């Protein structure tokens, strides 16, 4: 057997075969959490990866082991030495039923003890690679990681771990424990089985560095976290802008707010969401109120000031009383002037001038202090 293996190595050198001399074993999860359609996606993934590889006794050999509560080797490394026969065998795995628990450690132990032996087609001098596909944590995480560590050291195999679905995403500790280091190279994760095809361009060159695969034309693109974050940021920005606009409209429609009420509001909310905006709002309200008061003073109308302080009932009463007294005083003085005018000469210029000046004087203290 040793001389036979040596002969194979010599033949590889003489024929100039550039393909990798490697034995590859796939360990595929078919437990109850995996739907049969999802297992078919796993089969298609292995099929499409194999299409890119050079298959043969002097090149690459492939074996498949499936597992749940138990394990089963579907075909050995040396069962199919031609690429077409191997692809047919892989395709025939579609439709495999799924059930049972996730005893990943049993499948790994089986591969370590059996798959790479000469009886199963293992070749001396060939590089050994194991690819584990699973959608969930095993029934015994520690036992699984210990079995994988033994596979890497005892069987000298490099191990890739591919996790599918939300269960393994919650804790990738087991995936990292199964795979070789570094994790960035040997651990792969995908959201659902339908997106497995996206990993083909990543895995194939790691099995054969001379091959550069392309993404399948019908492979769906998985959603990316970056796009989701950008959308969220845009939504938050739009919400902020809407809130700002609403605040501005509220200030505009509340022009009758007095300085006193604005100051009271500010004292009860010492920390506004935006200090600059809060200060600007207060200044705008103050300017509007001050303008109303100034307009009332320029017109000499006490009723305008009363309206400006409509929130104080006492001011309203005082204004009404003041208006009544002013009207009464006007009536009394006018009657006195008219009586004096009738008693004197109706053509007296002094009397006529006094009456005209009194009528032109504004209502208020100036009426009371008018001298005849």
Protein backbone atom coordinates (compact mmCIF):
# COMPACT_ATOMS: atom_id res chain seq x y z
CA UNK A 1 0.00 0.00 0.00
CA UNK A 2 2.88 2.36 0.81
CA UNK A 3 4.51 1.72 -2.60
CA UNK A 4 1.15 2.30 -4.27
CA UNK A 5 0.80 5.70 -2.62
CA UNK A 6 4.35 6.57 -3.65
CA UNK A 7 3.48 5.64 -7.20
CA UNK A 8 0.50 7.98 -7.13
CA UNK A 9 2.69 10.85 -6.01
CA UNK A 10 5.19 10.11 -8.81
CA UNK A 11 2.39 9.99 -11.38
CA UNK A 12 1.08 13.34 -10.20
CA UNK A 13 4.52 14.86 -10.70
CA UNK A 14 5.04 13.27 -14.13
CA UNK A 15 1.66 14.23 -15.54
CA UNK A 16 1.95 17.81 -14.30
CA UNK A 17 -1.42 17.74 -12.58
CA UNK A 18 -1.89 21.11 -10.83
CA UNK A 19 -5.01 20.16 -8.87
CA UNK A 20 -4.81 19.78 -5.12
CA UNK A 21 -4.17 16.28 -3.83
CA UNK A 22 -6.86 16.37 -1.16
CA UNK A 23 -9.51 14.22 0.57
CA UNK A 24 -12.65 16.21 1.44
CA UNK A 25 -15.46 15.03 3.73
CA UNK A 26 -18.73 16.93 4.12
CA UNK A 27 -20.64 16.47 7.42
CA UNK A 28 -24.25 17.55 6.74
CA UNK A 29 -26.94 18.22 9.36
CA UNK A 30 -30.29 16.49 8.66
CA UNK A 31 -31.84 16.89 12.14
CA UNK A 32 -35.50 17.72 12.70
CA UNK A 33 -34.90 21.47 12.70
CA UNK A 34 -33.79 21.26 9.06
CA UNK A 35 -36.64 21.16 6.55
CA UNK A 36 -36.26 18.75 3.64
CA UNK A 37 -36.21 21.70 1.22
CA UNK A 38 -33.39 23.22 3.29
CA UNK A 39 -31.41 19.99 3.17
CA UNK A 40 -31.81 20.07 -0.62
CA UNK A 41 -30.22 23.55 -0.56
CA UNK A 42 -27.25 22.03 1.31
CA UNK A 43 -26.98 19.30 -1.34
CA UNK A 44 -27.06 21.90 -4.13
CA UNK A 45 -24.31 23.84 -2.35
CA UNK A 46 -22.01 20.79 -2.18
CA UNK A 47 -22.85 19.96 -5.82
CA UNK A 48 -22.01 23.47 -7.07
CA UNK A 49 -18.75 23.61 -5.10
CA UNK A 50 -17.71 20.21 -6.50
CA UNK A 51 -18.35 21.36 -10.07
CA UNK A 52 -15.41 23.75 -9.77
CA UNK A 53 -12.99 21.08 -8.47
CA UNK A 54 -10.80 18.55 -10.26
CA UNK A 55 -11.94 15.07 -9.17
CA UNK A 56 -9.93 11.85 -9.47
CA UNK A 57 -7.58 9.38 -7.78
CA UNK A 58 -4.63 11.71 -8.29
CA UNK A 59 -6.59 14.86 -7.57
CA UNK A 60 -9.47 15.48 -5.19
CA UNK A 61 -11.80 12.91 -3.62
CA UNK A 62 -15.10 13.65 -1.85
CA UNK A 63 -17.17 11.82 0.76
CA UNK A 64 -20.49 12.78 2.43
CA UNK A 65 -21.64 11.94 5.97
CA UNK A 66 -25.13 12.98 7.16
CA UNK A 67 -26.24 13.05 10.80
CA UNK A 68 -29.03 13.74 13.27
CA UNK A 69 -29.56 11.40 16.25
CA UNK A 70 -27.42 8.94 14.26
CA UNK A 71 -24.97 9.25 11.39
CA UNK A 72 -24.53 7.64 7.98
CA UNK A 73 -21.79 7.81 5.39
CA UNK A 74 -23.56 8.14 2.04
CA UNK A 75 -20.46 7.32 0.00
CA UNK A 76 -16.74 6.86 0.69
CA UNK A 77 -13.84 8.86 -0.70
CA UNK A 78 -13.01 6.25 -3.35
CA UNK A 79 -16.57 5.31 -4.34
CA UNK A 80 -16.67 7.76 -7.26
CA UNK A 81 -13.40 8.55 -8.97
CA UNK A 82 -14.88 10.43 -11.94
CA UNK A 83 -16.38 13.89 -11.62
CA UNK A 84 -19.62 13.06 -13.44
CA UNK A 85 -20.29 10.00 -11.27
CA UNK A 86 -19.57 11.99 -8.12
CA UNK A 87 -21.91 14.83 -9.15
CA UNK A 88 -24.69 12.32 -9.85
CA UNK A 89 -24.22 10.73 -6.43
CA UNK A 90 -24.38 14.14 -4.75
CA UNK A 91 -27.51 15.14 -6.69
CA UNK A 92 -29.22 11.90 -5.64
CA UNK A 93 -29.01 13.04 -2.01
CA UNK A 94 -31.86 15.47 -2.70
CA UNK A 95 -35.08 14.32 -1.07
CA UNK A 96 -33.36 12.92 2.02
CA UNK A 97 -35.77 12.93 4.96
CA UNK A 98 -34.94 14.99 8.03
CA UNK A 99 -35.67 14.16 11.70
CA UNK A 100 -34.03 13.59 15.05
CA UNK A 101 -31.63 15.54 17.25
CA UNK A 102 -28.30 17.25 16.61
CA UNK A 103 -25.58 14.80 17.65
CA UNK A 104 -22.80 16.61 15.83
CA UNK A 105 -20.07 15.06 17.99
CA UNK A 106 -20.97 11.50 16.92
CA UNK A 107 -20.59 12.39 13.24
CA UNK A 108 -17.24 14.10 13.86
CA UNK A 109 -15.94 11.12 15.83
CA UNK A 110 -17.00 8.79 13.01
CA UNK A 111 -15.15 10.85 10.39
CA UNK A 112 -12.01 10.97 12.55
CA UNK A 113 -11.98 7.21 13.08
CA UNK A 114 -13.18 5.97 9.70
CA UNK A 115 -13.49 8.35 6.75
CA UNK A 116 -9.77 8.89 6.12
CA UNK A 117 -8.75 5.24 6.49
CA UNK A 118 -7.44 3.32 3.45
CA UNK A 119 -10.56 1.13 3.56
CA UNK A 120 -12.69 4.21 2.90
CA UNK A 121 -10.39 5.58 0.21
CA UNK A 122 -8.14 7.74 2.38
CA UNK A 123 -4.79 8.37 0.73
CA UNK A 124 -1.44 8.69 2.43
CA UNK A 125 0.03 12.12 1.83
CA UNK A 126 -3.27 13.67 0.84
CA UNK A 127 -4.37 16.82 2.61
CA UNK A 128 -7.47 16.27 4.72
CA UNK A 129 -10.38 18.70 4.86
CA UNK A 130 -13.72 18.48 6.67
CA UNK A 131 -16.65 20.87 6.01
CA UNK A 132 -19.40 20.85 8.68
CA UNK A 133 -22.82 22.30 7.75
CA UNK A 134 -25.31 22.75 10.61
CA UNK A 135 -28.33 24.92 11.42
CA UNK A 136 -28.17 24.69 15.20
CA UNK A 137 -26.23 24.01 18.34
CA UNK A 138 -25.54 20.38 19.11
CA UNK A 139 -27.00 18.51 22.07
CA UNK A 140 -23.63 18.71 23.82
CA UNK A 141 -21.55 21.72 22.83
CA UNK A 142 -18.51 20.82 24.92
CA UNK A 143 -18.44 17.27 23.60
CA UNK A 144 -18.73 18.55 20.02
CA UNK A 145 -15.83 20.98 20.41
CA UNK A 146 -13.70 18.27 22.03
CA UNK A 147 -14.42 15.89 19.15
CA UNK A 148 -13.50 18.56 16.60
CA UNK A 149 -10.27 19.33 18.43
CA UNK A 150 -9.39 15.63 18.34
CA UNK A 151 -10.19 15.51 14.61
CA UNK A 152 -7.83 18.40 13.92
CA UNK A 153 -4.95 16.98 15.98
CA UNK A 154 -5.28 13.20 15.60
CA UNK A 155 -6.40 13.09 11.97
CA UNK A 156 -4.44 16.23 11.00
CA UNK A 157 -7.50 17.63 9.24
CA UNK A 158 -8.39 21.26 8.57
CA UNK A 159 -12.02 21.90 9.52
CA UNK A 160 -14.43 24.50 8.13
CA UNK A 161 -17.69 25.30 9.96
CA UNK A 162 -20.71 26.70 8.13
CA UNK A 163 -23.61 27.87 10.31
CA UNK A 164 -27.05 28.49 8.82
CA UNK A 165 -29.94 30.31 10.52
CA UNK A 166 -30.74 32.32 13.64
CA UNK A 167 -30.01 29.59 16.20
CA UNK A 168 -26.28 29.41 15.54
CA UNK A 169 -26.10 33.19 15.14
CA UNK A 170 -27.03 33.66 18.81
CA UNK A 171 -23.89 31.80 19.89
CA UNK A 172 -21.09 31.10 17.44
CA UNK A 173 -18.87 29.65 20.19
CA UNK A 174 -19.54 26.13 18.99
CA UNK A 175 -18.82 27.00 15.35
CA UNK A 176 -15.53 28.59 16.38
CA UNK A 177 -14.74 25.54 18.49
CA UNK A 178 -15.38 23.20 15.55
CA UNK A 179 -13.32 25.11 13.01
CA UNK A 180 -9.61 25.74 12.71
CA UNK A 181 -8.11 29.13 13.50
CA UNK A 182 -8.37 31.84 12.42
CA UNK A 183 -12.16 32.05 12.62
CA UNK A 184 -12.26 34.73 9.93
CA UNK A 185 -10.97 32.14 7.44
CA UNK A 186 -12.52 28.86 8.61
CA UNK A 187 -15.95 29.97 9.97
CA UNK A 188 -18.79 30.97 7.65
CA UNK A 189 -22.32 32.03 8.53
CA UNK A 190 -25.42 32.65 6.41
CA UNK A 191 -28.98 33.69 7.35
CA UNK A 192 -30.94 30.91 5.64
CA UNK A 193 -30.24 27.84 3.50
CA UNK A 194 -31.39 29.56 0.31
CA UNK A 195 -28.40 31.94 0.59
CA UNK A 196 -25.78 29.16 0.84
CA UNK A 197 -24.88 29.68 -2.81
CA UNK A 198 -23.32 33.01 -1.82
CA UNK A 199 -20.56 31.09 0.00
CA UNK A 200 -19.41 29.21 -3.11
CA UNK A 201 -16.93 31.92 -4.22
CA UNK A 202 -15.50 31.95 -0.67
CA UNK A 203 -15.13 28.20 -0.09
CA UNK A 204 -13.91 26.92 -3.49
CA UNK A 205 -10.56 28.81 -3.46
CA UNK A 206 -9.89 27.45 0.04
CA UNK A 207 -10.24 23.92 -1.30
CA UNK A 208 -8.25 24.68 -4.45
CA UNK A 209 -6.41 27.99 -4.60
CA UNK A 210 -5.95 27.65 -8.35
CA UNK A 211 -9.69 28.03 -8.96
CA UNK A 212 -11.55 31.35 -9.07
CA UNK A 213 -15.31 30.70 -9.08
CA UNK A 214 -18.04 33.19 -9.87
CA UNK A 215 -21.37 33.76 -8.16
CA UNK A 216 -24.21 31.75 -9.69
CA UNK A 217 -26.53 33.83 -11.87
CA UNK A 218 -29.67 32.74 -9.99
CA UNK A 219 -28.18 33.02 -6.50
CA UNK A 220 -30.33 35.38 -4.34
CA UNK A 221 -28.52 38.14 -2.47
CA UNK A 222 -28.89 38.06 1.33
CA UNK A 223 -29.94 41.26 3.13
CA UNK A 224 -26.99 43.20 4.52
CA UNK A 225 -26.72 44.83 7.97
CA UNK A 226 -25.17 47.97 6.50
CA UNK A 227 -28.20 48.71 4.33
CA UNK A 228 -30.57 48.21 7.26
CA UNK A 229 -28.57 50.61 9.45
CA UNK A 230 -28.57 53.29 6.72
CA UNK A 231 -32.34 53.01 6.34
CA UNK A 232 -32.81 53.37 10.10
CA UNK A 233 -30.57 56.44 10.19
CA UNK A 234 -32.54 58.03 7.34
CA UNK A 235 -35.82 57.34 9.12
CA UNK A 236 -34.53 58.89 12.33
CA UNK A 237 -33.34 61.95 10.42
CA UNK A 238 -36.75 62.37 8.78
CA UNK A 239 -38.50 62.05 12.14
CA UNK A 240 -36.24 64.70 13.68
CA UNK A 241 -36.90 67.10 10.82
CA UNK A 242 -40.66 66.59 11.13
CA UNK A 243 -40.52 67.26 14.88
CA UNK A 244 -38.55 70.48 14.32
CA UNK A 245 -41.06 71.73 11.75
CA UNK A 246 -43.95 70.97 14.08
CA UNK A 247 -42.29 72.94 16.88
CA UNK A 248 -41.79 75.96 14.61
CA UNK A 249 -45.45 75.95 13.57
CA UNK A 250 -46.52 75.77 17.22
CA UNK A 251 -44.48 78.88 18.07
CA UNK A 252 -45.93 80.77 15.08
CA UNK A 253 -49.55 80.08 16.03
CA UNK A 254 -48.94 81.06 19.66
CA UNK A 255 -48.01 84.72 19.08
CA UNK A 256 -50.34 85.96 21.86
CA UNK A 257 -48.28 84.21 24.55
CA UNK A 258 -47.03 86.76 27.14
CA UNK A 259 -43.52 87.14 28.49
CA UNK A 260 -44.65 85.97 31.92
CA UNK A 261 -46.05 82.64 30.67
CA UNK A 262 -42.96 82.00 28.51
CA UNK A 263 -40.61 82.49 31.44
CA UNK A 264 -42.70 80.17 33.55
CA UNK A 265 -42.51 77.46 30.90
CA UNK A 266 -38.74 77.78 30.65
CA UNK A 267 -38.29 77.45 34.42
CA UNK A 268 -40.22 74.16 34.48
CA UNK A 269 -38.20 72.69 31.63
CA UNK A 270 -34.56 73.47 32.44
CA UNK A 271 -33.24 70.95 29.89
CA UNK A 272 -34.93 71.32 26.52
CA UNK A 273 -33.96 68.84 23.76
CA UNK A 274 -32.18 71.67 21.92
CA UNK A 275 -31.09 74.65 24.07
CA UNK A 276 -30.51 76.99 21.13
CA UNK A 277 -33.99 76.33 19.71
CA UNK A 278 -35.62 76.86 23.11
CA UNK A 279 -33.88 80.22 23.56
CA UNK A 280 -34.81 81.34 20.05
CA UNK A 281 -38.46 80.46 20.69
CA UNK A 282 -38.49 82.53 23.90
CA UNK A 283 -36.94 85.54 22.14
CA UNK A 284 -39.46 85.33 19.29
CA UNK A 285 -42.38 85.21 21.72
CA UNK A 286 -40.98 88.13 23.72
CA UNK A 287 -40.59 90.24 20.57
CA UNK A 288 -44.15 89.54 19.48
CA UNK A 289 -45.57 90.48 22.91
CA UNK A 290 -43.43 93.60 23.22
CA UNK A 291 -44.58 94.71 19.77
CA UNK A 292 -48.23 94.37 20.82
CA UNK A 293 -47.63 96.44 23.96
CA UNK A 294 -45.72 99.15 22.05
CA UNK A 295 -48.54 99.39 19.49
CA UNK A 296 -51.04 99.86 22.28
CA UNK A 297 -48.97 102.69 23.84
CA UNK A 298 -48.53 104.53 20.51
CA UNK A 299 -52.27 104.50 19.84
CA UNK A 300 -53.05 105.75 23.34
CA UNK A 301 -55.66 103.06 23.75
CA UNK A 302 -56.00 101.50 27.18
CA UNK A 303 -58.25 98.81 25.71
CA UNK A 304 -55.30 97.43 23.67
CA UNK A 305 -53.29 96.91 26.83
CA UNK A 306 -56.22 95.17 28.43
CA UNK A 307 -56.43 92.79 25.49
CA UNK A 308 -52.70 92.16 25.76
CA UNK A 309 -53.21 91.03 29.34
CA UNK A 310 -56.42 89.10 28.78
CA UNK A 311 -55.21 86.29 30.94
CA UNK A 312 -55.65 88.48 34.16
CA UNK A 313 -59.33 89.00 35.22
CA UNK A 314 -58.38 91.80 37.67
CA UNK A 315 -56.87 93.85 34.88
CA UNK A 316 -60.08 93.47 32.83
CA UNK A 317 -62.23 94.79 35.71
CA UNK A 318 -59.88 97.70 36.40
CA UNK A 319 -59.88 98.67 32.74
CA UNK A 320 -63.66 98.64 32.58
CA UNK A 321 -63.94 100.88 35.69
CA UNK A 322 -61.34 103.30 34.32
CA UNK A 323 -63.19 103.58 31.03
CA UNK A 324 -66.51 104.27 32.77
CA UNK A 325 -65.00 107.02 35.00
CA UNK A 326 -63.31 108.66 32.04
CA UNK A 327 -66.57 108.76 30.07
CA UNK A 328 -68.45 110.27 33.04
CA UNK A 329 -65.82 112.96 33.53
CA UNK A 330 -65.99 113.83 29.86
CA UNK A 331 -69.77 114.23 29.99
CA UNK A 332 -69.66 116.47 33.11
CA UNK A 333 -66.94 118.77 31.75
CA UNK A 334 -68.63 119.02 28.35
CA UNK A 335 -71.91 120.01 30.02
CA UNK A 336 -70.12 122.65 32.11
CA UNK A 337 -68.45 124.14 29.04
CA UNK A 338 -71.67 124.21 27.07
CA UNK A 339 -73.50 125.92 29.96
CA UNK A 340 -70.74 128.53 30.20
CA UNK A 341 -70.90 129.07 26.48
CA UNK A 342 -74.66 129.64 26.57
CA UNK A 343 -74.39 132.08 29.50
CA UNK A 344 -71.66 134.09 27.79
CA UNK A 345 -71.46 135.51 24.37
CA UNK A 346 -71.66 132.72 21.86
CA UNK A 347 -69.05 134.54 19.82
CA UNK A 348 -66.47 134.66 22.67
CA UNK A 349 -63.19 133.42 21.06
CA UNK A 350 -61.73 132.29 24.38
CA UNK A 351 -64.65 130.00 25.09
CA UNK A 352 -64.64 128.56 21.59
CA UNK A 353 -60.90 127.87 21.78
CA UNK A 354 -61.25 126.16 25.17
CA UNK A 355 -64.03 123.93 23.91
CA UNK A 356 -62.00 122.95 20.82
CA UNK A 357 -58.87 122.17 22.84
CA UNK A 358 -60.83 120.04 25.29
CA UNK A 359 -62.46 117.99 22.57
CA UNK A 360 -59.09 117.36 20.90
CA UNK A 361 -57.40 116.29 24.13
CA UNK A 362 -57.13 112.42 24.51
CA UNK A 363 -59.18 110.59 27.12
CA UNK A 364 -57.19 110.13 30.31
CA UNK A 365 -55.39 112.24 32.90
CA UNK A 366 -55.09 115.18 30.42
CA UNK A 367 -58.89 115.68 30.59
CA UNK A 368 -58.83 115.90 34.37
CA UNK A 369 -56.05 118.52 34.42
CA UNK A 370 -57.54 120.71 31.67
CA UNK A 371 -57.77 124.38 32.76
CA UNK A 372 -60.48 126.78 31.57
